[in-house]
């Protein structure tokens, strides 16, 4: 019988799914949400108080990278929520398939095809988890590298704006 081999394959797929779940759980949504709040605050301050017409090229590049943090970070939050539901669904489907195989229920001729399908779906979930983990890491790194400089620039803009207001 193929049942032991099939159940062993299900265990391997479950292990891959658990690995994907660990990757997903390693993403700190609180940190990502803090990046969104801080980045939005600094961007709004710059928009409100910046009145110059030129900035250095390096600062412009840094501001552009910093600006990309918000949509990238929002994508991470959305992705983690989506992948979490995908994980739950795949776990449920794997559990059903495992129970069917153990009990000999359903169409036995489709077990191998169903195992193959579940393996492919778990691979997709794992790839998404790794992608969002990379995106989260990149967002955290970019934020940590740029937020002090961007914050200084935003404070400078605010001070200059207030000085101009007092002069008028």
C-alpha atoms as a PDB file:
ATOM      1  CA  UNK A   1       0.000   0.000   0.000  1.00  0.00           C
ATOM      2  CA  UNK A   2       1.027   3.573  -0.671  1.00  0.00           C
ATOM      3  CA  UNK A   3      -0.584   4.894   2.490  1.00  0.00           C
ATOM      4  CA  UNK A   4       2.602   5.105   4.650  1.00  0.00           C
ATOM      5  CA  UNK A   5       4.480   6.856   1.844  1.00  0.00           C
ATOM      6  CA  UNK A   6       1.591   9.265   1.312  1.00  0.00           C
ATOM      7  CA  UNK A   7       1.344  10.049   5.020  1.00  0.00           C
ATOM      8  CA  UNK A   8       5.104  10.616   5.164  1.00  0.00           C
ATOM      9  CA  UNK A   9       4.765  13.078   2.268  1.00  0.00           C
ATOM     10  CA  UNK A  10       1.943  14.873   4.111  1.00  0.00           C
ATOM     11  CA  UNK A  11       4.230  15.184   7.173  1.00  0.00           C
ATOM     12  CA  UNK A  12       6.948  16.716   4.991  1.00  0.00           C
ATOM     13  CA  UNK A  13       4.476  19.215   3.530  1.00  0.00           C
ATOM     14  CA  UNK A  14       3.223  20.059   7.033  1.00  0.00           C
ATOM     15  CA  UNK A  15       6.825  20.702   8.116  1.00  0.00           C
ATOM     16  CA  UNK A  16       7.269  23.075   5.154  1.00  0.00           C
ATOM     17  CA  UNK A  17       4.047  24.832   6.113  1.00  0.00           C
ATOM     18  CA  UNK A  18       5.254  25.161   9.704  1.00  0.00           C
ATOM     19  CA  UNK A  19       8.522  26.642   8.434  1.00  0.00           C
ATOM     20  CA  UNK A  20       6.561  29.210   6.419  1.00  0.00           C
ATOM     21  CA  UNK A  21       4.516  30.014   9.508  1.00  0.00           C
ATOM     22  CA  UNK A  22       7.702  30.586  11.520  1.00  0.00           C
ATOM     23  CA  UNK A  23       8.974  32.975   8.847  1.00  0.00           C
ATOM     24  CA  UNK A  24       5.661  34.812   8.914  1.00  0.00           C
ATOM     25  CA  UNK A  25       5.656  34.996  12.714  1.00  0.00           C
ATOM     26  CA  UNK A  26       9.156  36.470  12.674  1.00  0.00           C
ATOM     27  CA  UNK A  27       7.811  39.605  10.964  1.00  0.00           C
ATOM     28  CA  UNK A  28       7.155  42.252  13.590  1.00  0.00           C
ATOM     29  CA  UNK A  29       3.912  43.871  12.519  1.00  0.00           C
ATOM     30  CA  UNK A  30       4.186  46.320  15.432  1.00  0.00           C
ATOM     31  CA  UNK A  31       7.535  47.547  14.104  1.00  0.00           C
ATOM     32  CA  UNK A  32       6.179  47.817  10.583  1.00  0.00           C
ATOM     33  CA  UNK A  33       3.145  49.777  11.780  1.00  0.00           C
ATOM     34  CA  UNK A  34       5.462  52.088  13.745  1.00  0.00           C
ATOM     35  CA  UNK A  35       7.435  52.694  10.543  1.00  0.00           C
ATOM     36  CA  UNK A  36       4.196  53.646   8.781  1.00  0.00           C
ATOM     37  CA  UNK A  37       3.197  56.070  11.550  1.00  0.00           C
ATOM     38  CA  UNK A  38       6.637  57.660  11.871  1.00  0.00           C
ATOM     39  CA  UNK A  39       7.191  57.917   8.127  1.00  0.00           C
ATOM     40  CA  UNK A  40       3.766  59.434   7.584  1.00  0.00           C
ATOM     41  CA  UNK A  41       4.358  61.965  10.359  1.00  0.00           C
ATOM     42  CA  UNK A  42       7.744  63.024   8.954  1.00  0.00           C
ATOM     43  CA  UNK A  43       6.435  63.223   5.392  1.00  0.00           C
ATOM     44  CA  UNK A  44       3.495  65.352   6.506  1.00  0.00           C
ATOM     45  CA  UNK A  45       5.819  67.666   8.428  1.00  0.00           C
ATOM     46  CA  UNK A  46       8.014  68.110   5.347  1.00  0.00           C
ATOM     47  CA  UNK A  47       4.992  68.720   3.091  1.00  0.00           C
ATOM     48  CA  UNK A  48       3.624  71.277   5.507  1.00  0.00           C
ATOM     49  CA  UNK A  49       6.808  73.220   6.188  1.00  0.00           C
ATOM     50  CA  UNK A  50       9.150  72.780   3.239  1.00  0.00           C
ATOM     51  CA  UNK A  51       9.238  75.938   1.161  1.00  0.00           C
ATOM     52  CA  UNK A  52      12.560  75.733  -0.669  1.00  0.00           C
ATOM     53  CA  UNK A  53      13.010  74.853  -4.275  1.00  0.00           C
ATOM     54  CA  UNK A  54      16.253  72.886  -4.148  1.00  0.00           C
ATOM     55  CA  UNK A  55      17.770  70.172  -2.011  1.00  0.00           C
ATOM     56  CA  UNK A  56      20.940  68.167  -2.396  1.00  0.00           C
ATOM     57  CA  UNK A  57      20.872  65.188  -4.718  1.00  0.00           C
ATOM     58  CA  UNK A  58      21.752  62.762  -1.933  1.00  0.00           C
ATOM     59  CA  UNK A  59      19.008  64.130   0.319  1.00  0.00           C
ATOM     60  CA  UNK A  60      16.542  63.911  -2.580  1.00  0.00           C
ATOM     61  CA  UNK A  61      17.472  60.270  -3.145  1.00  0.00           C
ATOM     62  CA  UNK A  62      17.135  59.540   0.572  1.00  0.00           C
ATOM     63  CA  UNK A  63      13.730  61.246   0.701  1.00  0.00           C
ATOM     64  CA  UNK A  64      12.609  59.186  -2.285  1.00  0.00           C
ATOM     65  CA  UNK A  65      13.702  55.957  -0.577  1.00  0.00           C
ATOM     66  CA  UNK A  66      12.042  57.097   2.629  1.00  0.00           C
ATOM     67  CA  UNK A  67       8.832  57.897   0.750  1.00  0.00           C
ATOM     68  CA  UNK A  68       8.715  54.298  -0.560  1.00  0.00           C
ATOM     69  CA  UNK A  69       8.638  53.013   3.028  1.00  0.00           C
ATOM     70  CA  UNK A  70       4.960  53.744   3.510  1.00  0.00           C
ATOM     71  CA  UNK A  71       3.533  51.725   0.593  1.00  0.00           C
ATOM     72  CA  UNK A  72       6.101  48.949   1.102  1.00  0.00           C
ATOM     73  CA  UNK A  73       5.307  48.724   4.794  1.00  0.00           C
ATOM     74  CA  UNK A  74       1.567  48.782   4.144  1.00  0.00           C
ATOM     75  CA  UNK A  75       2.095  45.962   1.648  1.00  0.00           C
ATOM     76  CA  UNK A  76       3.864  43.932   4.346  1.00  0.00           C
ATOM     77  CA  UNK A  77       0.956  44.365   6.770  1.00  0.00           C
ATOM     78  CA  UNK A  78      -1.572  43.415   4.086  1.00  0.00           C
ATOM     79  CA  UNK A  79       0.583  40.486   2.953  1.00  0.00           C
ATOM     80  CA  UNK A  80       1.028  39.066   6.433  1.00  0.00           C
ATOM     81  CA  UNK A  81      -2.725  39.111   7.007  1.00  0.00           C
ATOM     82  CA  UNK A  82      -3.327  37.436   3.650  1.00  0.00           C
ATOM     83  CA  UNK A  83      -0.651  34.791   4.170  1.00  0.00           C
ATOM     84  CA  UNK A  84      -1.918  34.057   7.661  1.00  0.00           C
ATOM     85  CA  UNK A  85      -5.325  33.161   6.234  1.00  0.00           C
ATOM     86  CA  UNK A  86      -3.644  31.126   3.485  1.00  0.00           C
ATOM     87  CA  UNK A  87      -1.703  29.215   6.145  1.00  0.00           C
ATOM     88  CA  UNK A  88      -4.852  28.392   8.077  1.00  0.00           C
ATOM     89  CA  UNK A  89      -6.601  27.222   4.938  1.00  0.00           C
ATOM     90  CA  UNK A  90      -3.669  25.052   3.814  1.00  0.00           C
ATOM     91  CA  UNK A  91      -3.417  23.508   7.307  1.00  0.00           C
ATOM     92  CA  UNK A  92      -7.101  22.692   7.182  1.00  0.00           C
ATOM     93  CA  UNK A  93      -6.835  21.155   3.716  1.00  0.00           C
ATOM     94  CA  UNK A  94      -3.773  19.124   4.672  1.00  0.00           C
ATOM     95  CA  UNK A  95      -5.515  17.868   7.787  1.00  0.00           C
ATOM     96  CA  UNK A  96      -8.545  16.793   5.743  1.00  0.00           C
ATOM     97  CA  UNK A  97      -6.355  15.020   3.225  1.00  0.00           C
ATOM     98  CA  UNK A  98      -4.373  13.295   5.969  1.00  0.00           C
ATOM     99  CA  UNK A  99      -7.567  12.125   7.657  1.00  0.00           C
ATOM    100  CA  UNK A 100      -8.933  10.859   4.335  1.00  0.00           C
ATOM    101  CA  UNK A 101      -5.746   8.891   3.700  1.00  0.00           C
ATOM    102  CA  UNK A 102      -5.665   7.484   7.227  1.00  0.00           C
ATOM    103  CA  UNK A 103      -9.294   6.393   7.009  1.00  0.00           C
ATOM    104  CA  UNK A 104      -9.264   5.404   3.358  1.00  0.00           C
ATOM    105  CA  UNK A 105     -12.071   7.866   2.666  1.00  0.00           C
ATOM    106  CA  UNK A 106     -12.760   9.701  -0.570  1.00  0.00           C
ATOM    107  CA  UNK A 107     -11.372   8.837  -3.964  1.00  0.00           C
ATOM    108  CA  UNK A 108      -8.123   6.980  -3.218  1.00  0.00           C
ATOM    109  CA  UNK A 109      -6.941   7.279  -6.808  1.00  0.00           C
ATOM    110  CA  UNK A 110      -6.725  11.067  -6.339  1.00  0.00           C
ATOM    111  CA  UNK A 111      -4.603  11.007  -3.175  1.00  0.00           C
ATOM    112  CA  UNK A 112      -1.289  11.402  -5.015  1.00  0.00           C
ATOM    113  CA  UNK A 113      -2.676  14.198  -7.155  1.00  0.00           C
ATOM    114  CA  UNK A 114      -4.055  15.950  -4.061  1.00  0.00           C
ATOM    115  CA  UNK A 115      -0.712  15.565  -2.272  1.00  0.00           C
ATOM    116  CA  UNK A 116       1.068  17.081  -5.271  1.00  0.00           C
ATOM    117  CA  UNK A 117      -1.427  19.965  -5.332  1.00  0.00           C
ATOM    118  CA  UNK A 118      -1.009  20.651  -1.604  1.00  0.00           C
ATOM    119  CA  UNK A 119       2.762  20.578  -1.974  1.00  0.00           C
ATOM    120  CA  UNK A 120       2.568  23.195  -4.743  1.00  0.00           C
ATOM    121  CA  UNK A 121       0.193  25.384  -2.737  1.00  0.00           C
ATOM    122  CA  UNK A 122       2.400  25.221   0.353  1.00  0.00           C
ATOM    123  CA  UNK A 123       5.375  26.208  -1.818  1.00  0.00           C
ATOM    124  CA  UNK A 124       3.449  29.269  -2.962  1.00  0.00           C
ATOM    125  CA  UNK A 125       2.618  30.198   0.636  1.00  0.00           C
ATOM    126  CA  UNK A 126       6.265  29.715   1.653  1.00  0.00           C
ATOM    127  CA  UNK A 127       7.456  31.903  -1.224  1.00  0.00           C
ATOM    128  CA  UNK A 128       5.027  34.652  -0.223  1.00  0.00           C
ATOM    129  CA  UNK A 129       6.140  34.410   3.419  1.00  0.00           C
ATOM    130  CA  UNK A 130       9.785  34.722   2.373  1.00  0.00           C
ATOM    131  CA  UNK A 131       8.977  37.643   0.075  1.00  0.00           C
ATOM    132  CA  UNK A 132       7.163  39.589   2.789  1.00  0.00           C
ATOM    133  CA  UNK A 133       9.890  38.768   5.297  1.00  0.00           C
ATOM    134  CA  UNK A 134      12.450  40.236   2.872  1.00  0.00           C
ATOM    135  CA  UNK A 135      10.282  43.283   2.265  1.00  0.00           C
ATOM    136  CA  UNK A 136       9.838  43.804   6.018  1.00  0.00           C
ATOM    137  CA  UNK A 137      13.586  43.491   6.583  1.00  0.00           C
ATOM    138  CA  UNK A 138      14.286  45.965   3.784  1.00  0.00           C
ATOM    139  CA  UNK A 139      11.741  48.413   5.234  1.00  0.00           C
ATOM    140  CA  UNK A 140      13.256  48.166   8.715  1.00  0.00           C
ATOM    141  CA  UNK A 141      16.776  48.614   7.353  1.00  0.00           C
ATOM    142  CA  UNK A 142      15.829  51.588   5.193  1.00  0.00           C
ATOM    143  CA  UNK A 143      13.949  53.227   8.056  1.00  0.00           C
ATOM    144  CA  UNK A 144      16.824  52.702  10.485  1.00  0.00           C
ATOM    145  CA  UNK A 145      19.319  54.083   7.970  1.00  0.00           C
ATOM    146  CA  UNK A 146      17.323  57.174   6.975  1.00  0.00           C
ATOM    147  CA  UNK A 147      14.899  58.256   9.674  1.00  0.00           C
ATOM    148  CA  UNK A 148      17.389  60.351  11.669  1.00  0.00           C
ATOM    149  CA  UNK A 149      18.453  62.319   8.595  1.00  0.00           C
ATOM    150  CA  UNK A 150      14.849  62.755   7.412  1.00  0.00           C
ATOM    151  CA  UNK A 151      13.728  63.788  10.884  1.00  0.00           C
ATOM    152  CA  UNK A 152      16.505  66.405  11.093  1.00  0.00           C
ATOM    153  CA  UNK A 153      15.493  67.733   7.687  1.00  0.00           C
ATOM    154  CA  UNK A 154      11.822  67.905   8.689  1.00  0.00           C
ATOM    155  CA  UNK A 155      12.676  69.767  11.908  1.00  0.00           C
ATOM    156  CA  UNK A 156      14.869  72.166   9.935  1.00  0.00           C
ATOM    157  CA  UNK A 157      11.980  72.797   7.520  1.00  0.00           C
ATOM    158  CA  UNK A 158       9.622  73.505  10.404  1.00  0.00           C
ATOM    159  CA  UNK A 159      12.065  75.879  12.101  1.00  0.00           C
ATOM    160  CA  UNK A 160      12.732  77.772   8.869  1.00  0.00           C
ATOM    161  CA  UNK A 161       9.007  78.031   8.183  1.00  0.00           C
ATOM    162  CA  UNK A 162       8.325  79.427  11.654  1.00  0.00           C
ATOM    163  CA  UNK A 163      11.165  81.918  11.315  1.00  0.00           C
ATOM    164  CA  UNK A 164       9.704  83.069   7.980  1.00  0.00           C
ATOM    165  CA  UNK A 165       6.289  83.405   9.624  1.00  0.00           C
ATOM    166  CA  UNK A 166       7.704  85.630  12.356  1.00  0.00           C
ATOM    167  CA  UNK A 167       9.433  87.841   9.782  1.00  0.00           C
ATOM    168  CA  UNK A 168       6.206  88.480   7.916  1.00  0.00           C
END
